[in-house]
Amino acid sequence: MAAFGTVFMPLMASTSFENAQWKPAEMVPSNSITMHPGAHVLHYSSTCFEGLKAFRHADGSIHVFRMDKNIQRFAQSSRFLSLPAIDETQVENMILDVVAHYAADVPEPPGSMYIRPTHIGTEGSIGKAASPSLTSMSYVLLSPVGDYFSGGAKPLRILLDETGMRCAPHMGMIKSGGNYASALGPILKAKAEVQADQILFCPNGDVQETGAANFLLIDGNEIITKALDSSFLHGVTRDSILTLAKDLGMQVSERNLTVTELLERAAKPGVEAALSGTAAVLTPIGTFIHHNQEHRVGSGEAGPTTQKLRQALNDIQWGKAPDNHGWLTKI
């Protein structure tokens, strides 16, 4: 089976910003784009993207999950990168149109259609290191995907890093490619040296996020996660999980969490930790690695609350539970 996110539908929805306006969107081949080798994105990283999914329900209908929230973040990322402001209505229509075009190809659960809106600066000028691109391109790619963990979600090994950061603090809430690239070096080093699956960045002991997901600590009936600020990504899955936790009567504490408190709580019986994200939904953490010592989280296995919250989210996405929050948009 092909690796997650490597298969794409033949067409994508695309538009470009030229002469201070967006052109009408059109369906174009998804296997290539044309731009000048001096394009702003290639030299000064004027790029942002989103990740969301469409799901097939038992009656055959197709539903996009939390599209409005992703488009809002897409607009925010574009604005903070000084890219041309997106037309949010146009982006919504591009998503709906391309998903409708490939409705028959949306996989059955636990699979889904992964949707990747992208915005890049296209102006051909290598003299604009301190100036924004006046032209840009926006497109929506589709990738049919299976379960991210085809063999079941194995508890992760996570290195706690108190010295580094995933990205510059003012860039954290922007979903930009450069943020992921900046975290790759430390992550690869952690994999090689201590067989970690990911790094949980905790600058000066402040627990933030991993290279590609938000972090949640579950202690009994309480979920603890860092309060939103500009230093880390405001995950849509994170928001969804916290909302469902409140629905289940859990206490949600969005506050600062230190490495010291994290390790003290993690050693308690029944404590769980997890990463949240669009691709993996909610993934259990079994071990923290800190100063060359391994700290087992609770039982070291996926805990019942993590599994319950993941299932509650999946049930809404798959149409098996009521959509009480209006998260689904039917195609």
Protein backbone atom coordinates (compact mmCIF):
# COMPACT_ATOMS: atom_id res chain seq x y z
CA MET A 1 0.00 0.00 0.00
CA ALA A 2 1.27 3.50 -0.87
CA ALA A 3 2.65 5.63 1.95
CA PHE A 4 0.25 8.09 3.57
CA GLY A 5 -0.09 11.26 1.49
CA THR A 6 1.78 10.06 -1.62
CA VAL A 7 -1.22 9.39 -3.91
CA PHE A 8 -2.94 12.40 -5.48
CA MET A 9 -6.06 12.89 -7.56
CA PRO A 10 -5.26 13.88 -11.20
CA LEU A 11 -6.83 17.35 -10.98
CA MET A 12 -6.65 20.15 -8.42
CA ALA A 13 -8.47 23.45 -8.00
CA SER A 14 -6.17 26.40 -8.67
CA THR A 15 -6.23 30.19 -8.83
CA SER A 16 -3.67 32.99 -8.96
CA PHE A 17 -3.45 36.54 -7.64
CA GLU A 18 -2.31 39.00 -10.31
CA ASN A 19 -2.91 42.71 -10.87
CA ALA A 20 -4.28 43.02 -7.34
CA GLN A 21 -7.08 40.48 -7.82
CA TRP A 22 -7.80 36.77 -7.73
CA LYS A 23 -8.53 35.04 -11.02
CA PRO A 24 -11.49 32.64 -11.33
CA ALA A 25 -10.54 29.20 -10.01
CA GLU A 26 -10.17 26.32 -12.45
CA MET A 27 -9.41 22.61 -12.45
CA VAL A 28 -5.87 21.92 -13.65
CA PRO A 29 -3.55 18.88 -13.68
CA SER A 30 -2.12 18.29 -10.22
CA ASN A 31 1.16 16.75 -11.35
CA SER A 32 2.89 20.05 -12.13
CA ILE A 33 2.86 23.80 -11.63
CA THR A 34 4.83 26.42 -13.54
CA MET A 35 6.67 29.27 -11.84
CA HIS A 36 9.76 31.37 -12.34
CA PRO A 37 12.93 29.96 -10.71
CA GLY A 38 13.22 33.31 -8.97
CA ALA A 39 9.76 32.95 -7.43
CA HIS A 40 9.49 34.47 -3.97
CA VAL A 41 8.45 31.17 -2.38
CA LEU A 42 11.60 29.39 -3.56
CA HIS A 43 13.94 31.95 -2.00
CA TYR A 44 12.07 33.59 0.87
CA SER A 45 9.64 30.83 1.95
CA SER A 46 6.37 32.70 1.38
CA THR A 47 4.27 29.57 1.75
CA CYS A 48 1.48 28.27 3.95
CA PHE A 49 -0.96 25.38 3.80
CA GLU A 50 -3.80 23.61 5.57
CA GLY A 51 -4.73 20.00 6.23
CA LEU A 52 -8.33 18.84 6.54
CA LYS A 53 -10.36 15.78 5.57
CA ALA A 54 -13.55 14.70 3.82
CA PHE A 55 -15.31 11.57 5.07
CA ARG A 56 -17.75 9.08 3.56
CA HIS A 57 -20.80 8.22 5.67
CA ALA A 58 -22.70 4.94 5.60
CA ASP A 59 -25.39 6.41 3.31
CA GLY A 60 -22.71 7.33 0.75
CA SER A 61 -22.79 11.08 1.44
CA ILE A 62 -19.51 13.03 1.69
CA HIS A 63 -18.78 15.51 4.48
CA VAL A 64 -15.84 17.91 4.99
CA PHE A 65 -14.77 18.31 8.63
CA ARG A 66 -14.33 21.80 10.13
CA MET A 67 -13.62 23.52 6.82
CA ASP A 68 -14.48 26.97 8.21
CA LYS A 69 -11.89 26.69 10.98
CA ASN A 70 -9.17 25.61 8.54
CA ILE A 71 -9.98 28.41 6.09
CA GLN A 72 -9.80 30.96 8.91
CA ARG A 73 -6.34 29.68 9.85
CA PHE A 74 -5.32 29.64 6.16
CA ALA A 75 -6.30 33.32 5.92
CA GLN A 76 -4.40 34.08 9.13
CA SER A 77 -1.23 32.33 7.93
CA SER A 78 -1.39 34.18 4.61
CA ARG A 79 -1.81 37.48 6.41
CA PHE A 80 1.07 36.92 8.83
CA LEU A 81 3.36 35.92 5.93
CA SER A 82 2.36 39.11 4.06
CA LEU A 83 0.97 37.07 1.17
CA PRO A 84 -2.00 38.51 -0.73
CA ALA A 85 -5.18 38.14 1.33
CA ILE A 86 -7.08 35.03 0.28
CA ASP A 87 -10.70 35.17 -0.80
CA GLU A 88 -12.19 32.89 1.86
CA THR A 89 -15.38 32.26 -0.10
CA GLN A 90 -13.36 31.34 -3.18
CA VAL A 91 -11.20 28.91 -1.19
CA GLU A 92 -14.32 27.30 0.30
CA ASN A 93 -15.81 26.84 -3.17
CA MET A 94 -12.51 25.41 -4.47
CA ILE A 95 -12.51 22.82 -1.68
CA LEU A 96 -16.14 21.88 -2.20
CA ASP A 97 -15.84 21.74 -5.99
CA VAL A 98 -12.73 19.55 -6.13
CA VAL A 99 -14.04 17.18 -3.42
CA ALA A 100 -17.39 16.94 -5.25
CA HIS A 101 -15.51 16.18 -8.48
CA TYR A 102 -13.82 13.21 -6.77
CA ALA A 103 -16.67 12.23 -4.43
CA ALA A 104 -16.64 8.66 -5.78
CA ASP A 105 -12.98 8.35 -4.75
CA VAL A 106 -13.42 9.27 -1.08
CA PRO A 107 -12.44 6.10 0.82
CA GLU A 108 -14.65 4.28 3.31
CA PRO A 109 -13.77 4.74 7.03
CA PRO A 110 -11.21 4.54 8.52
CA GLY A 111 -9.90 6.09 5.30
CA SER A 112 -10.67 9.63 4.15
CA MET A 113 -9.86 12.21 1.48
CA TYR A 114 -7.04 14.43 2.74
CA ILE A 115 -7.41 18.02 1.52
CA ARG A 116 -4.36 20.29 1.20
CA PRO A 117 -5.04 23.98 0.39
CA THR A 118 -1.74 25.73 -0.36
CA HIS A 119 -0.73 29.36 -0.92
CA ILE A 120 2.65 30.40 -2.35
CA GLY A 121 4.29 33.66 -3.38
CA THR A 122 5.11 33.57 -7.11
CA GLU A 123 6.65 36.95 -7.94
CA GLY A 124 9.92 36.44 -9.83
CA SER A 125 12.30 38.68 -7.93
CA ILE A 126 15.34 37.73 -5.87
CA GLY A 127 15.63 41.34 -4.70
CA LYS A 128 12.64 41.11 -2.38
CA ALA A 129 14.16 39.49 0.71
CA ALA A 130 12.57 42.24 2.79
CA SER A 131 9.46 42.77 0.67
CA PRO A 132 6.36 40.62 0.09
CA SER A 133 5.40 38.89 -3.14
CA LEU A 134 2.79 40.90 -5.05
CA THR A 135 1.62 37.81 -6.92
CA SER A 136 0.70 34.38 -5.63
CA MET A 137 -0.89 31.04 -6.43
CA SER A 138 -3.39 29.08 -4.37
CA TYR A 139 -4.42 25.49 -5.06
CA VAL A 140 -6.24 22.61 -3.40
CA LEU A 141 -4.71 19.12 -3.67
CA LEU A 142 -6.55 15.92 -2.79
CA SER A 143 -4.97 12.72 -1.50
CA PRO A 144 -7.05 9.62 -0.67
CA VAL A 145 -5.60 8.13 2.51
CA GLY A 146 -6.11 5.08 4.70
CA ASP A 147 -5.71 4.83 8.44
CA TYR A 148 -2.53 6.69 9.45
CA PHE A 149 -1.70 3.74 11.71
CA SER A 150 -2.66 0.76 9.58
CA GLY A 151 -1.30 -1.63 12.20
CA GLY A 152 -2.80 0.21 15.15
CA ALA A 153 -1.51 3.25 17.01
CA LYS A 154 1.70 2.26 18.79
CA PRO A 155 2.59 4.41 21.83
CA LEU A 156 5.25 6.95 20.87
CA ARG A 157 8.68 7.60 22.35
CA ILE A 158 9.06 11.37 22.84
CA LEU A 159 12.25 13.29 23.63
CA LEU A 160 11.77 16.33 25.87
CA ASP A 161 13.99 19.14 24.56
CA GLU A 162 14.38 22.14 26.90
CA THR A 163 17.00 23.96 24.81
CA GLY A 164 15.54 24.21 21.30
CA MET A 165 12.38 25.54 19.72
CA ARG A 166 10.33 24.22 16.82
CA CYS A 167 10.47 27.64 15.13
CA ALA A 168 10.77 31.35 15.86
CA PRO A 169 8.20 32.28 18.56
CA HIS A 170 6.31 34.77 16.38
CA MET A 171 5.99 32.15 13.62
CA GLY A 172 4.51 29.36 15.72
CA MET A 173 0.83 30.00 14.95
CA ILE A 174 1.50 30.11 11.18
CA LYS A 175 1.15 26.82 9.28
CA SER A 176 4.19 27.37 7.07
CA GLY A 177 6.58 24.88 5.53
CA GLY A 178 9.65 26.53 7.03
CA ASN A 179 8.47 25.69 10.55
CA TYR A 180 8.48 21.98 9.72
CA ALA A 181 11.85 22.18 8.01
CA SER A 182 13.43 23.92 11.00
CA ALA A 183 12.41 21.05 13.28
CA LEU A 184 13.72 18.27 11.03
CA GLY A 185 17.36 18.41 12.14
CA PRO A 186 16.65 17.96 15.87
CA ILE A 187 14.03 15.29 15.17
CA LEU A 188 16.35 13.23 12.99
CA LYS A 189 19.09 13.54 15.63
CA ALA A 190 16.67 12.37 18.33
CA LYS A 191 15.63 9.39 16.22
CA ALA A 192 19.23 8.36 15.65
CA GLU A 193 20.52 8.90 19.18
CA VAL A 194 17.66 7.79 21.46
CA GLN A 195 15.20 6.16 19.01
CA ALA A 196 12.61 8.88 19.68
CA ASP A 197 9.62 9.16 17.37
CA GLN A 198 9.32 12.90 17.91
CA ILE A 199 10.57 15.83 19.97
CA LEU A 200 8.36 17.70 22.41
CA PHE A 201 9.85 21.19 22.38
CA CYS A 202 9.97 22.67 25.88
CA PRO A 203 12.11 25.84 25.72
CA ASN A 204 13.28 26.78 29.22
CA GLY A 205 11.06 24.02 30.60
CA ASP A 206 7.83 25.31 29.00
CA VAL A 207 5.97 22.37 27.40
CA GLN A 208 4.80 23.49 23.94
CA GLU A 209 4.34 21.17 20.92
CA THR A 210 6.15 18.55 18.84
CA GLY A 211 7.46 19.03 15.32
CA ALA A 212 4.07 18.28 13.78
CA ALA A 213 1.39 17.98 16.49
CA ASN A 214 -0.11 19.51 19.62
CA PHE A 215 0.43 17.92 23.05
CA LEU A 216 -2.20 16.87 25.61
CA LEU A 217 -1.70 15.45 29.11
CA ILE A 218 -4.62 13.51 30.59
CA ASP A 219 -4.66 13.09 34.37
CA GLY A 220 -7.87 11.48 35.56
CA ASN A 221 -10.76 13.73 34.55
CA GLU A 222 -8.48 16.62 33.60
CA ILE A 223 -6.82 17.48 30.29
CA ILE A 224 -3.87 19.87 30.51
CA THR A 225 -2.49 21.64 27.44
CA LYS A 226 -0.69 24.88 26.76
CA ALA A 227 -2.92 27.94 26.41
CA LEU A 228 -3.03 29.41 22.92
CA ASP A 229 -0.39 32.02 22.08
CA SER A 230 1.69 32.93 19.03
CA SER A 231 4.48 30.44 19.78
CA PHE A 232 2.72 27.26 18.60
CA LEU A 233 0.11 26.06 16.11
CA HIS A 234 -3.56 26.39 17.04
CA GLY A 235 -4.58 22.90 15.98
CA VAL A 236 -8.10 22.25 14.73
CA THR A 237 -7.94 18.67 16.03
CA ARG A 238 -6.73 20.00 19.38
CA ASP A 239 -9.73 22.33 19.53
CA SER A 240 -12.09 19.50 18.57
CA ILE A 241 -10.71 17.11 21.18
CA LEU A 242 -10.94 19.73 23.94
CA THR A 243 -14.54 20.50 22.97
CA LEU A 244 -15.46 16.81 23.09
CA ALA A 245 -13.70 16.44 26.44
CA LYS A 246 -15.89 19.22 27.86
CA ASP A 247 -18.95 17.48 26.40
CA LEU A 248 -17.92 14.37 28.34
CA GLY A 249 -17.71 16.36 31.56
CA MET A 250 -13.92 16.55 31.69
CA GLN A 251 -12.02 19.52 33.08
CA VAL A 252 -9.96 21.28 30.40
CA SER A 253 -7.00 23.29 31.73
CA GLU A 254 -5.29 25.48 29.15
CA ARG A 255 -2.24 26.75 31.00
CA ASN A 256 1.51 26.63 31.22
CA LEU A 257 2.96 23.21 31.99
CA THR A 258 6.57 22.71 33.03
CA VAL A 259 8.73 19.69 32.29
CA THR A 260 9.05 19.10 36.04
CA GLU A 261 5.26 18.92 36.52
CA LEU A 262 4.87 16.84 33.36
CA LEU A 263 7.29 14.15 34.57
CA GLU A 264 5.80 14.13 38.07
CA ARG A 265 2.29 13.60 36.70
CA ALA A 266 3.41 11.11 34.04
CA ALA A 267 4.74 8.79 36.73
CA LYS A 268 1.29 8.44 38.34
CA PRO A 269 -0.83 5.36 37.58
CA GLY A 270 -3.51 5.97 34.99
CA VAL A 271 -2.01 9.15 33.54
CA GLU A 272 -2.06 9.42 29.73
CA ALA A 273 -0.36 11.67 27.18
CA ALA A 274 -1.15 12.11 23.50
CA LEU A 275 -0.45 14.10 20.36
CA SER A 276 -3.28 15.56 18.29
CA GLY A 277 -3.28 16.31 14.56
CA THR A 278 -5.31 15.95 11.37
CA ALA A 279 -3.46 12.90 10.06
CA ALA A 280 -3.08 10.85 13.24
CA VAL A 281 -6.11 12.27 15.14
CA LEU A 282 -5.00 11.38 18.69
CA THR A 283 -1.87 9.31 19.19
CA PRO A 284 -0.78 7.90 22.58
CA ILE A 285 2.62 8.58 24.11
CA GLY A 286 4.19 5.70 26.03
CA THR A 287 7.60 7.06 27.01
CA PHE A 288 9.28 10.40 27.66
CA ILE A 289 13.05 10.64 27.29
CA HIS A 290 14.72 13.32 29.41
CA HIS A 291 18.41 13.74 30.19
CA ASN A 292 19.09 10.22 28.87
CA GLN A 293 16.52 8.70 31.23
CA GLU A 294 13.31 7.04 30.10
CA HIS A 295 10.08 7.86 31.93
CA ARG A 296 7.10 5.61 31.28
CA VAL A 297 3.78 7.42 30.94
CA GLY A 298 1.19 5.67 33.09
CA SER A 299 1.04 2.06 31.92
CA GLY A 300 3.16 2.84 28.85
CA GLU A 301 0.27 1.83 26.60
CA ALA A 302 -2.64 3.64 24.97
CA GLY A 303 -4.99 4.69 27.75
CA PRO A 304 -8.79 4.44 27.82
CA THR A 305 -9.45 8.19 27.78
CA THR A 306 -7.21 8.73 24.75
CA GLN A 307 -9.04 5.94 22.96
CA LYS A 308 -12.47 7.26 24.04
CA LEU A 309 -11.74 10.79 22.80
CA ARG A 310 -10.30 9.54 19.51
CA GLN A 311 -13.36 7.35 18.96
CA ALA A 312 -15.74 10.20 19.85
CA LEU A 313 -14.12 12.39 17.19
CA ASN A 314 -14.08 9.60 14.60
CA ASP A 315 -17.75 8.81 15.25
CA ILE A 316 -18.73 12.38 14.36
CA GLN A 317 -16.49 12.42 11.30
CA TRP A 318 -17.86 9.07 10.10
CA GLY A 319 -21.50 9.99 10.75
CA LYS A 320 -21.94 7.49 13.60
CA ALA A 321 -22.67 10.16 16.21
CA PRO A 322 -24.64 13.44 16.06
CA ASP A 323 -22.77 16.51 14.80
CA ASN A 324 -23.88 18.72 17.67
CA HIS A 325 -21.31 21.43 16.94
CA GLY A 326 -22.00 21.86 13.22
CA TRP A 327 -18.54 20.70 12.22
CA LEU A 328 -19.50 18.82 9.04
CA THR A 329 -20.20 20.39 5.64
CA LYS A 330 -22.08 18.07 3.31
CA ILE A 331 -20.93 18.03 -0.32
